[in-house]
Amino acid sequence: MVRYFAAAKAAAGSEEETLTLAEPATLADVISAALSVSRSAVPAGTPPLERVFSRSSFLLNGVAIRDHSALVGPADVVDVLPPFAGG
């Protein structure tokens, strides 16, 4: 499952989705599969999902992951966390 937050949620048009991937799958495969999903038009001013991904951090089962070659299992949860500001 992939969960989207903030700008990623707006660009994806949903809070979460389940992707079907061949095993073994990597974080790079998850990103590629998410980008290949046919989506509705994004709200005006929302960057495309590809740009959001390029600037985002990822969590795998709640743990930060930077290595896009890391394995992702069918029961794993990937969170997409775009940069955000706030206090």
Protein backbone atom coordinates (compact mmCIF):
# COMPACT_ATOMS: atom_id res chain seq x y z
CA MET A 1 0.00 0.00 0.00
CA VAL A 2 1.15 3.55 -0.75
CA ARG A 3 -0.09 6.40 1.42
CA TYR A 4 0.15 9.97 0.15
CA PHE A 5 0.42 13.10 2.29
CA ALA A 6 0.08 16.84 1.56
CA ALA A 7 1.11 17.71 -2.03
CA ALA A 8 1.53 14.02 -2.86
CA LYS A 9 -2.09 13.41 -1.89
CA ALA A 10 -3.24 16.30 -4.10
CA ALA A 11 -1.11 15.14 -7.04
CA ALA A 12 -2.19 11.49 -6.70
CA GLY A 13 -5.84 12.39 -6.21
CA SER A 14 -6.18 10.01 -3.28
CA GLU A 15 -4.90 9.34 0.22
CA GLU A 16 -3.76 5.81 -0.53
CA GLU A 17 -3.72 3.09 -3.12
CA THR A 18 -2.68 -0.51 -3.45
CA LEU A 19 -0.36 -1.31 -6.33
CA THR A 20 0.18 -4.76 -7.80
CA LEU A 21 3.88 -5.40 -8.34
CA ALA A 22 5.96 -8.36 -9.42
CA GLU A 23 8.08 -9.78 -6.63
CA PRO A 24 10.71 -8.95 -5.62
CA ALA A 25 9.81 -5.27 -5.83
CA THR A 26 11.88 -2.26 -4.86
CA LEU A 27 10.99 1.25 -3.80
CA ALA A 28 11.92 2.31 -7.34
CA ASP A 29 9.32 -0.19 -8.65
CA VAL A 30 6.69 1.26 -6.32
CA ILE A 31 7.45 4.78 -7.55
CA SER A 32 7.36 3.67 -11.19
CA ALA A 33 4.06 1.83 -10.71
CA ALA A 34 2.50 4.82 -8.94
CA LEU A 35 3.56 7.10 -11.79
CA SER A 36 2.02 4.75 -14.37
CA VAL A 37 -1.47 4.90 -12.81
CA SER A 38 -3.97 6.85 -14.91
CA ARG A 39 -5.11 9.79 -12.81
CA SER A 40 -7.62 12.61 -13.03
CA ALA A 41 -6.38 16.12 -13.64
CA VAL A 42 -4.72 17.64 -10.61
CA PRO A 43 -6.00 20.87 -9.05
CA ALA A 44 -4.56 24.07 -10.52
CA GLY A 45 -1.21 24.91 -8.99
CA THR A 46 -0.51 21.32 -7.90
CA PRO A 47 2.79 19.98 -9.17
CA PRO A 48 2.69 16.68 -11.06
CA LEU A 49 3.25 13.53 -9.02
CA GLU A 50 6.62 12.90 -10.67
CA ARG A 51 7.93 16.24 -9.41
CA VAL A 52 6.47 15.62 -5.96
CA PHE A 53 8.20 12.23 -5.80
CA SER A 54 11.54 13.77 -6.81
CA ARG A 55 11.41 16.01 -3.73
CA SER A 56 9.77 13.62 -1.28
CA SER A 57 10.99 11.47 1.57
CA PHE A 58 9.73 7.92 1.86
CA LEU A 59 8.92 5.74 4.83
CA LEU A 60 8.80 1.96 4.63
CA ASN A 61 6.65 0.62 7.45
CA GLY A 62 7.26 3.83 9.39
CA VAL A 63 11.05 3.88 8.91
CA ALA A 64 12.77 6.47 6.69
CA ILE A 65 14.25 4.94 3.55
CA ARG A 66 16.53 6.64 1.04
CA ASP A 67 17.69 3.62 -0.96
CA HIS A 68 15.38 3.20 -3.94
CA SER A 69 16.72 -0.35 -4.43
CA ALA A 70 15.37 -1.43 -1.02
CA LEU A 71 12.95 -4.34 -1.20
CA VAL A 72 9.25 -3.71 -0.60
CA GLY A 73 7.01 -6.66 0.20
CA PRO A 74 3.31 -7.06 -0.62
CA ALA A 75 2.24 -6.34 2.97
CA ASP A 76 4.52 -3.31 3.38
CA VAL A 77 3.33 0.30 3.59
CA VAL A 78 5.18 3.07 1.76
CA ASP A 79 4.45 6.63 2.89
CA VAL A 80 5.21 9.53 0.55
CA LEU A 81 6.10 12.67 2.49
CA PRO A 82 6.70 15.79 0.40
CA PRO A 83 8.61 18.66 1.94
CA PHE A 84 6.44 20.96 4.00
CA ALA A 85 6.86 24.03 6.12
CA GLY A 86 5.24 24.89 9.39
CA GLY A 87 5.86 25.55 12.99
